[in-house]
């Protein structure tokens, strides 16, 4: 007879804030519920652009570059996360889910200390003020998907409140862009983590079984028929 204790608990997806210098986690955000669906989009970074340079085509691309890539594909993720204080009866929630929402909102906001520091530089006559750098953010979806990301969208739909108008249930639409070696400086910890993420994809691709030409109704002669 199977006991409940024997049933493995599902791994949670989440976000890890990392110190880019030391590589140590500064904060770990575990999503309360794993999203039911993920929307992923990959846009290849082609070197030749679109179209061709002749032969009757209407494009302006260089035919010599048609099969070349400038860098890693630009990958984006979108999903919906749920936060529900009523599902955590054993945890006191005097502020509702304000703290959980605030943690996520601070992923796209500079801190007051950073804003005050920038304001003081401006008051002191600093001509050029560098943009505020945020911590390195990692999104994790199991051990096979750990990647550096930048949040590009955070839309919050609060749907229930307690007597003090603290939100107790919310649905969040989260959009992220995977940061690649094209986005980060050489040697940056995030760039190394992206390379590890890409290497994981390569290992998984190598484990996939190759199909047979016969399944496509083709033979080896059909593939080589275009050779001179």
C-alpha atoms as a PDB file:
ATOM      1  CA  UNK A   1       0.000   0.000   0.000  1.00  0.00           C
ATOM      2  CA  UNK A   2       1.432   3.350  -1.050  1.00  0.00           C
ATOM      3  CA  UNK A   3       1.790   5.882   1.735  1.00  0.00           C
ATOM      4  CA  UNK A   4       1.492   9.611   1.129  1.00  0.00           C
ATOM      5  CA  UNK A   5       4.995  10.014   2.540  1.00  0.00           C
ATOM      6  CA  UNK A   6       6.297   7.842  -0.301  1.00  0.00           C
ATOM      7  CA  UNK A   7       4.901  10.115  -3.027  1.00  0.00           C
ATOM      8  CA  UNK A   8       7.635  12.523  -4.150  1.00  0.00           C
ATOM      9  CA  UNK A   9       6.804  16.191  -3.863  1.00  0.00           C
ATOM     10  CA  UNK A  10       6.842  18.075  -7.161  1.00  0.00           C
ATOM     11  CA  UNK A  11       9.824  20.310  -7.820  1.00  0.00           C
ATOM     12  CA  UNK A  12       8.832  23.966  -7.867  1.00  0.00           C
ATOM     13  CA  UNK A  13       9.850  26.475 -10.485  1.00  0.00           C
ATOM     14  CA  UNK A  14      11.250  29.744  -9.291  1.00  0.00           C
ATOM     15  CA  UNK A  15      13.589  32.696  -9.548  1.00  0.00           C
ATOM     16  CA  UNK A  16      17.013  33.053  -7.948  1.00  0.00           C
ATOM     17  CA  UNK A  17      18.659  36.434  -7.422  1.00  0.00           C
ATOM     18  CA  UNK A  18      22.436  35.995  -7.625  1.00  0.00           C
ATOM     19  CA  UNK A  19      25.328  38.242  -6.737  1.00  0.00           C
ATOM     20  CA  UNK A  20      27.129  38.436 -10.114  1.00  0.00           C
ATOM     21  CA  UNK A  21      30.513  38.966  -8.444  1.00  0.00           C
ATOM     22  CA  UNK A  22      30.438  36.190  -5.836  1.00  0.00           C
ATOM     23  CA  UNK A  23      27.890  33.896  -7.479  1.00  0.00           C
ATOM     24  CA  UNK A  24      26.033  33.464  -4.186  1.00  0.00           C
ATOM     25  CA  UNK A  25      22.198  33.454  -4.067  1.00  0.00           C
ATOM     26  CA  UNK A  26      20.856  36.651  -2.529  1.00  0.00           C
ATOM     27  CA  UNK A  27      17.203  35.608  -2.621  1.00  0.00           C
ATOM     28  CA  UNK A  28      15.213  32.575  -3.746  1.00  0.00           C
ATOM     29  CA  UNK A  29      11.640  33.037  -4.963  1.00  0.00           C
ATOM     30  CA  UNK A  30       9.742  29.737  -5.101  1.00  0.00           C
ATOM     31  CA  UNK A  31       6.535  29.963  -7.122  1.00  0.00           C
ATOM     32  CA  UNK A  32       3.625  28.746  -5.022  1.00  0.00           C
ATOM     33  CA  UNK A  33       2.149  26.767  -7.916  1.00  0.00           C
ATOM     34  CA  UNK A  34       3.896  25.609 -11.073  1.00  0.00           C
ATOM     35  CA  UNK A  35       2.305  27.280 -14.125  1.00  0.00           C
ATOM     36  CA  UNK A  36       0.057  24.964 -16.148  1.00  0.00           C
ATOM     37  CA  UNK A  37       1.464  26.182 -19.464  1.00  0.00           C
ATOM     38  CA  UNK A  38       4.613  27.832 -20.801  1.00  0.00           C
ATOM     39  CA  UNK A  39       4.825  29.911 -23.960  1.00  0.00           C
ATOM     40  CA  UNK A  40       8.321  29.910 -25.416  1.00  0.00           C
ATOM     41  CA  UNK A  41       9.539  31.714 -28.530  1.00  0.00           C
ATOM     42  CA  UNK A  42      12.937  31.459 -30.249  1.00  0.00           C
ATOM     43  CA  UNK A  43      13.976  33.935 -32.949  1.00  0.00           C
ATOM     44  CA  UNK A  44      17.169  32.964 -34.833  1.00  0.00           C
ATOM     45  CA  UNK A  45      19.775  35.686 -35.299  1.00  0.00           C
ATOM     46  CA  UNK A  46      20.432  35.216 -39.012  1.00  0.00           C
ATOM     47  CA  UNK A  47      23.458  36.902 -40.575  1.00  0.00           C
ATOM     48  CA  UNK A  48      21.992  37.277 -44.039  1.00  0.00           C
ATOM     49  CA  UNK A  49      18.726  39.000 -43.176  1.00  0.00           C
ATOM     50  CA  UNK A  50      15.634  38.202 -45.234  1.00  0.00           C
ATOM     51  CA  UNK A  51      15.293  37.456 -48.924  1.00  0.00           C
ATOM     52  CA  UNK A  52      18.064  37.076 -51.485  1.00  0.00           C
ATOM     53  CA  UNK A  53      20.229  39.327 -53.653  1.00  0.00           C
ATOM     54  CA  UNK A  54      19.100  38.216 -57.062  1.00  0.00           C
ATOM     55  CA  UNK A  55      17.657  35.400 -59.112  1.00  0.00           C
ATOM     56  CA  UNK A  56      14.227  36.980 -59.224  1.00  0.00           C
ATOM     57  CA  UNK A  57      13.764  37.312 -55.475  1.00  0.00           C
ATOM     58  CA  UNK A  58      12.553  40.476 -53.869  1.00  0.00           C
ATOM     59  CA  UNK A  59      14.697  40.395 -50.734  1.00  0.00           C
ATOM     60  CA  UNK A  60      17.856  42.285 -49.856  1.00  0.00           C
ATOM     61  CA  UNK A  61      19.790  39.580 -48.000  1.00  0.00           C
ATOM     62  CA  UNK A  62      23.248  38.274 -48.897  1.00  0.00           C
ATOM     63  CA  UNK A  63      22.967  34.748 -50.323  1.00  0.00           C
ATOM     64  CA  UNK A  64      26.440  33.916 -49.030  1.00  0.00           C
ATOM     65  CA  UNK A  65      25.141  34.479 -45.491  1.00  0.00           C
ATOM     66  CA  UNK A  66      21.852  32.556 -45.791  1.00  0.00           C
ATOM     67  CA  UNK A  67      22.977  29.696 -43.529  1.00  0.00           C
ATOM     68  CA  UNK A  68      25.033  31.738 -41.093  1.00  0.00           C
ATOM     69  CA  UNK A  69      24.055  32.857 -37.605  1.00  0.00           C
ATOM     70  CA  UNK A  70      25.249  36.018 -35.862  1.00  0.00           C
ATOM     71  CA  UNK A  71      24.735  34.541 -32.414  1.00  0.00           C
ATOM     72  CA  UNK A  72      22.370  32.611 -30.156  1.00  0.00           C
ATOM     73  CA  UNK A  73      18.641  32.700 -30.823  1.00  0.00           C
ATOM     74  CA  UNK A  74      16.676  35.311 -28.888  1.00  0.00           C
ATOM     75  CA  UNK A  75      14.449  33.304 -26.549  1.00  0.00           C
ATOM     76  CA  UNK A  76      11.461  34.607 -24.597  1.00  0.00           C
ATOM     77  CA  UNK A  77       9.230  32.914 -22.043  1.00  0.00           C
ATOM     78  CA  UNK A  78       5.705  33.784 -20.941  1.00  0.00           C
ATOM     79  CA  UNK A  79       3.607  32.133 -18.253  1.00  0.00           C
ATOM     80  CA  UNK A  80       0.955  32.827 -15.650  1.00  0.00           C
ATOM     81  CA  UNK A  81       1.734  32.378 -11.965  1.00  0.00           C
ATOM     82  CA  UNK A  82      -0.822  32.158  -9.149  1.00  0.00           C
ATOM     83  CA  UNK A  83      -0.460  33.364  -5.569  1.00  0.00           C
ATOM     84  CA  UNK A  84      -3.136  32.431  -3.037  1.00  0.00           C
ATOM     85  CA  UNK A  85      -2.880  33.154   0.696  1.00  0.00           C
ATOM     86  CA  UNK A  86      -5.928  30.968   1.410  1.00  0.00           C
ATOM     87  CA  UNK A  87      -3.853  27.929   0.411  1.00  0.00           C
ATOM     88  CA  UNK A  88      -1.382  28.650   3.226  1.00  0.00           C
ATOM     89  CA  UNK A  89      -3.490  28.415   6.363  1.00  0.00           C
ATOM     90  CA  UNK A  90      -0.503  27.362   8.468  1.00  0.00           C
ATOM     91  CA  UNK A  91       1.337  30.618   7.641  1.00  0.00           C
ATOM     92  CA  UNK A  92       0.271  33.922   9.203  1.00  0.00           C
ATOM     93  CA  UNK A  93      -0.486  36.488   6.500  1.00  0.00           C
ATOM     94  CA  UNK A  94      -1.260  39.822   8.214  1.00  0.00           C
ATOM     95  CA  UNK A  95      -0.292  41.664   5.016  1.00  0.00           C
ATOM     96  CA  UNK A  96      -1.992  39.240   2.661  1.00  0.00           C
ATOM     97  CA  UNK A  97       0.212  38.522  -0.361  1.00  0.00           C
ATOM     98  CA  UNK A  98       1.715  42.038  -0.398  1.00  0.00           C
ATOM     99  CA  UNK A  99       5.197  40.665   0.469  1.00  0.00           C
ATOM    100  CA  UNK A 100       5.173  38.087  -2.359  1.00  0.00           C
ATOM    101  CA  UNK A 101       4.005  40.681  -4.862  1.00  0.00           C
ATOM    102  CA  UNK A 102       6.570  43.221  -3.651  1.00  0.00           C
ATOM    103  CA  UNK A 103       9.437  40.739  -4.095  1.00  0.00           C
ATOM    104  CA  UNK A 104       8.462  40.192  -7.730  1.00  0.00           C
ATOM    105  CA  UNK A 105       7.892  43.901  -8.374  1.00  0.00           C
ATOM    106  CA  UNK A 106      11.373  44.705  -7.059  1.00  0.00           C
ATOM    107  CA  UNK A 107      12.796  42.582  -9.875  1.00  0.00           C
ATOM    108  CA  UNK A 108      11.922  45.439 -12.240  1.00  0.00           C
ATOM    109  CA  UNK A 109      12.520  48.365  -9.855  1.00  0.00           C
ATOM    110  CA  UNK A 110      15.719  49.985  -8.575  1.00  0.00           C
ATOM    111  CA  UNK A 111      15.960  50.380  -4.811  1.00  0.00           C
ATOM    112  CA  UNK A 112      15.428  53.683  -3.003  1.00  0.00           C
ATOM    113  CA  UNK A 113      19.135  53.675  -2.101  1.00  0.00           C
ATOM    114  CA  UNK A 114      20.110  53.383  -5.767  1.00  0.00           C
ATOM    115  CA  UNK A 115      17.707  56.161  -6.770  1.00  0.00           C
ATOM    116  CA  UNK A 116      18.977  58.453  -3.997  1.00  0.00           C
ATOM    117  CA  UNK A 117      22.577  57.768  -5.019  1.00  0.00           C
ATOM    118  CA  UNK A 118      21.791  58.664  -8.631  1.00  0.00           C
ATOM    119  CA  UNK A 119      19.988  61.819  -7.482  1.00  0.00           C
ATOM    120  CA  UNK A 120      22.972  62.870  -5.365  1.00  0.00           C
ATOM    121  CA  UNK A 121      25.312  62.404  -8.328  1.00  0.00           C
ATOM    122  CA  UNK A 122      23.063  64.622 -10.425  1.00  0.00           C
ATOM    123  CA  UNK A 123      22.991  67.303  -7.692  1.00  0.00           C
ATOM    124  CA  UNK A 124      26.783  67.208  -7.498  1.00  0.00           C
ATOM    125  CA  UNK A 125      27.052  68.019 -11.190  1.00  0.00           C
ATOM    126  CA  UNK A 126      27.873  64.610 -12.587  1.00  0.00           C
ATOM    127  CA  UNK A 127      27.310  64.948 -16.323  1.00  0.00           C
ATOM    128  CA  UNK A 128      26.833  61.288 -17.191  1.00  0.00           C
ATOM    129  CA  UNK A 129      25.212  58.872 -14.772  1.00  0.00           C
ATOM    130  CA  UNK A 130      25.441  55.174 -15.603  1.00  0.00           C
ATOM    131  CA  UNK A 131      22.175  53.239 -15.671  1.00  0.00           C
ATOM    132  CA  UNK A 132      21.432  51.352 -12.476  1.00  0.00           C
ATOM    133  CA  UNK A 133      22.633  47.747 -12.629  1.00  0.00           C
ATOM    134  CA  UNK A 134      20.270  45.111 -11.255  1.00  0.00           C
ATOM    135  CA  UNK A 135      21.318  41.776  -9.704  1.00  0.00           C
ATOM    136  CA  UNK A 136      21.678  38.730 -11.899  1.00  0.00           C
ATOM    137  CA  UNK A 137      18.318  36.946 -12.170  1.00  0.00           C
ATOM    138  CA  UNK A 138      17.992  33.236 -12.907  1.00  0.00           C
ATOM    139  CA  UNK A 139      14.803  31.396 -13.808  1.00  0.00           C
ATOM    140  CA  UNK A 140      14.672  27.718 -12.924  1.00  0.00           C
ATOM    141  CA  UNK A 141      12.321  25.085 -14.298  1.00  0.00           C
ATOM    142  CA  UNK A 142      13.803  21.888 -12.941  1.00  0.00           C
ATOM    143  CA  UNK A 143      17.476  20.962 -13.115  1.00  0.00           C
ATOM    144  CA  UNK A 144      17.523  20.939 -16.920  1.00  0.00           C
ATOM    145  CA  UNK A 145      16.420  24.558 -17.300  1.00  0.00           C
ATOM    146  CA  UNK A 146      18.436  27.094 -15.334  1.00  0.00           C
ATOM    147  CA  UNK A 147      19.023  30.284 -17.292  1.00  0.00           C
ATOM    148  CA  UNK A 148      19.831  33.977 -16.804  1.00  0.00           C
ATOM    149  CA  UNK A 149      16.852  36.173 -17.616  1.00  0.00           C
ATOM    150  CA  UNK A 150      15.561  39.718 -17.593  1.00  0.00           C
ATOM    151  CA  UNK A 151      11.917  40.326 -16.771  1.00  0.00           C
ATOM    152  CA  UNK A 152      10.215  42.105 -19.652  1.00  0.00           C
ATOM    153  CA  UNK A 153       6.630  41.959 -18.435  1.00  0.00           C
ATOM    154  CA  UNK A 154       4.894  41.775 -15.067  1.00  0.00           C
ATOM    155  CA  UNK A 155       1.129  42.171 -15.120  1.00  0.00           C
ATOM    156  CA  UNK A 156      -0.777  41.597 -11.859  1.00  0.00           C
ATOM    157  CA  UNK A 157      -4.477  40.806 -11.543  1.00  0.00           C
ATOM    158  CA  UNK A 158      -5.545  40.917  -7.872  1.00  0.00           C
ATOM    159  CA  UNK A 159      -8.839  39.081  -7.429  1.00  0.00           C
ATOM    160  CA  UNK A 160      -9.553  38.817  -3.685  1.00  0.00           C
ATOM    161  CA  UNK A 161      -8.892  40.952  -0.588  1.00  0.00           C
ATOM    162  CA  UNK A 162      -9.163  40.658   3.171  1.00  0.00           C
ATOM    163  CA  UNK A 163     -11.047  43.087   5.452  1.00  0.00           C
ATOM    164  CA  UNK A 164      -8.044  45.450   5.437  1.00  0.00           C
ATOM    165  CA  UNK A 165      -7.922  45.430   1.617  1.00  0.00           C
ATOM    166  CA  UNK A 166      -4.743  43.402   1.557  1.00  0.00           C
ATOM    167  CA  UNK A 167      -4.684  41.263  -1.600  1.00  0.00           C
ATOM    168  CA  UNK A 168      -4.982  37.558  -0.812  1.00  0.00           C
ATOM    169  CA  UNK A 169      -5.198  36.130  -4.333  1.00  0.00           C
ATOM    170  CA  UNK A 170      -3.565  37.227  -7.571  1.00  0.00           C
ATOM    171  CA  UNK A 171      -2.714  36.036 -11.035  1.00  0.00           C
ATOM    172  CA  UNK A 172       0.531  37.273 -12.561  1.00  0.00           C
ATOM    173  CA  UNK A 173       1.469  37.329 -16.237  1.00  0.00           C
ATOM    174  CA  UNK A 174       5.250  37.136 -16.388  1.00  0.00           C
ATOM    175  CA  UNK A 175       7.374  37.642 -19.494  1.00  0.00           C
ATOM    176  CA  UNK A 176      11.113  37.026 -19.583  1.00  0.00           C
ATOM    177  CA  UNK A 177      13.955  37.282 -22.059  1.00  0.00           C
ATOM    178  CA  UNK A 178      16.740  34.734 -21.770  1.00  0.00           C
ATOM    179  CA  UNK A 179      20.056  36.584 -21.587  1.00  0.00           C
ATOM    180  CA  UNK A 180      22.723  35.133 -23.888  1.00  0.00           C
ATOM    181  CA  UNK A 181      26.416  35.747 -24.493  1.00  0.00           C
ATOM    182  CA  UNK A 182      25.282  38.433 -26.959  1.00  0.00           C
ATOM    183  CA  UNK A 183      23.612  40.358 -24.108  1.00  0.00           C
ATOM    184  CA  UNK A 184      26.254  40.037 -21.386  1.00  0.00           C
ATOM    185  CA  UNK A 185      29.942  40.983 -21.191  1.00  0.00           C
ATOM    186  CA  UNK A 186      32.529  38.275 -21.819  1.00  0.00           C
ATOM    187  CA  UNK A 187      33.374  36.503 -18.576  1.00  0.00           C
ATOM    188  CA  UNK A 188      30.173  37.622 -16.847  1.00  0.00           C
ATOM    189  CA  UNK A 189      28.748  34.937 -14.575  1.00  0.00           C
ATOM    190  CA  UNK A 190      25.430  35.159 -16.405  1.00  0.00           C
ATOM    191  CA  UNK A 191      27.170  34.468 -19.723  1.00  0.00           C
ATOM    192  CA  UNK A 192      28.759  31.325 -18.264  1.00  0.00           C
ATOM    193  CA  UNK A 193      25.374  30.194 -16.934  1.00  0.00           C
ATOM    194  CA  UNK A 194      23.853  30.709 -20.374  1.00  0.00           C
ATOM    195  CA  UNK A 195      26.585  28.560 -21.943  1.00  0.00           C
ATOM    196  CA  UNK A 196      25.813  25.838 -19.385  1.00  0.00           C
ATOM    197  CA  UNK A 197      22.112  26.140 -20.296  1.00  0.00           C
ATOM    198  CA  UNK A 198      22.942  25.827 -24.009  1.00  0.00           C
ATOM    199  CA  UNK A 199      25.228  22.844 -23.347  1.00  0.00           C
ATOM    200  CA  UNK A 200      22.314  21.137 -21.587  1.00  0.00           C
ATOM    201  CA  UNK A 201      20.211  21.614 -24.727  1.00  0.00           C
ATOM    202  CA  UNK A 202      23.000  20.048 -26.787  1.00  0.00           C
ATOM    203  CA  UNK A 203      23.105  16.992 -24.521  1.00  0.00           C
ATOM    204  CA  UNK A 204      19.334  16.579 -24.737  1.00  0.00           C
ATOM    205  CA  UNK A 205      19.410  16.957 -28.524  1.00  0.00           C
ATOM    206  CA  UNK A 206      22.125  14.304 -28.770  1.00  0.00           C
ATOM    207  CA  UNK A 207      19.934  11.912 -26.771  1.00  0.00           C
ATOM    208  CA  UNK A 208      17.040  12.191 -29.265  1.00  0.00           C
ATOM    209  CA  UNK A 209      16.728   9.339 -31.748  1.00  0.00           C
ATOM    210  CA  UNK A 210      17.220  10.278 -35.394  1.00  0.00           C
ATOM    211  CA  UNK A 211      14.408   9.512 -37.818  1.00  0.00           C
ATOM    212  CA  UNK A 212      14.696   7.523 -41.022  1.00  0.00           C
ATOM    213  CA  UNK A 213      14.479   8.945 -44.554  1.00  0.00           C
ATOM    214  CA  UNK A 214      12.029   6.157 -45.393  1.00  0.00           C
ATOM    215  CA  UNK A 215       9.548   7.643 -42.936  1.00  0.00           C
ATOM    216  CA  UNK A 216       9.538  10.748 -45.141  1.00  0.00           C
ATOM    217  CA  UNK A 217       9.106   8.737 -48.323  1.00  0.00           C
ATOM    218  CA  UNK A 218      12.687   9.536 -49.368  1.00  0.00           C
ATOM    219  CA  UNK A 219      15.866   7.644 -50.101  1.00  0.00           C
ATOM    220  CA  UNK A 220      19.496   8.711 -49.864  1.00  0.00           C
ATOM    221  CA  UNK A 221      19.507   9.372 -53.607  1.00  0.00           C
ATOM    222  CA  UNK A 222      16.725  11.936 -53.226  1.00  0.00           C
ATOM    223  CA  UNK A 223      18.825  14.008 -50.825  1.00  0.00           C
ATOM    224  CA  UNK A 224      21.923  13.997 -53.064  1.00  0.00           C
ATOM    225  CA  UNK A 225      20.006  14.561 -56.301  1.00  0.00           C
ATOM    226  CA  UNK A 226      20.765  18.251 -56.357  1.00  0.00           C
ATOM    227  CA  UNK A 227      24.526  17.806 -56.477  1.00  0.00           C
ATOM    228  CA  UNK A 228      26.378  18.771 -59.645  1.00  0.00           C
END
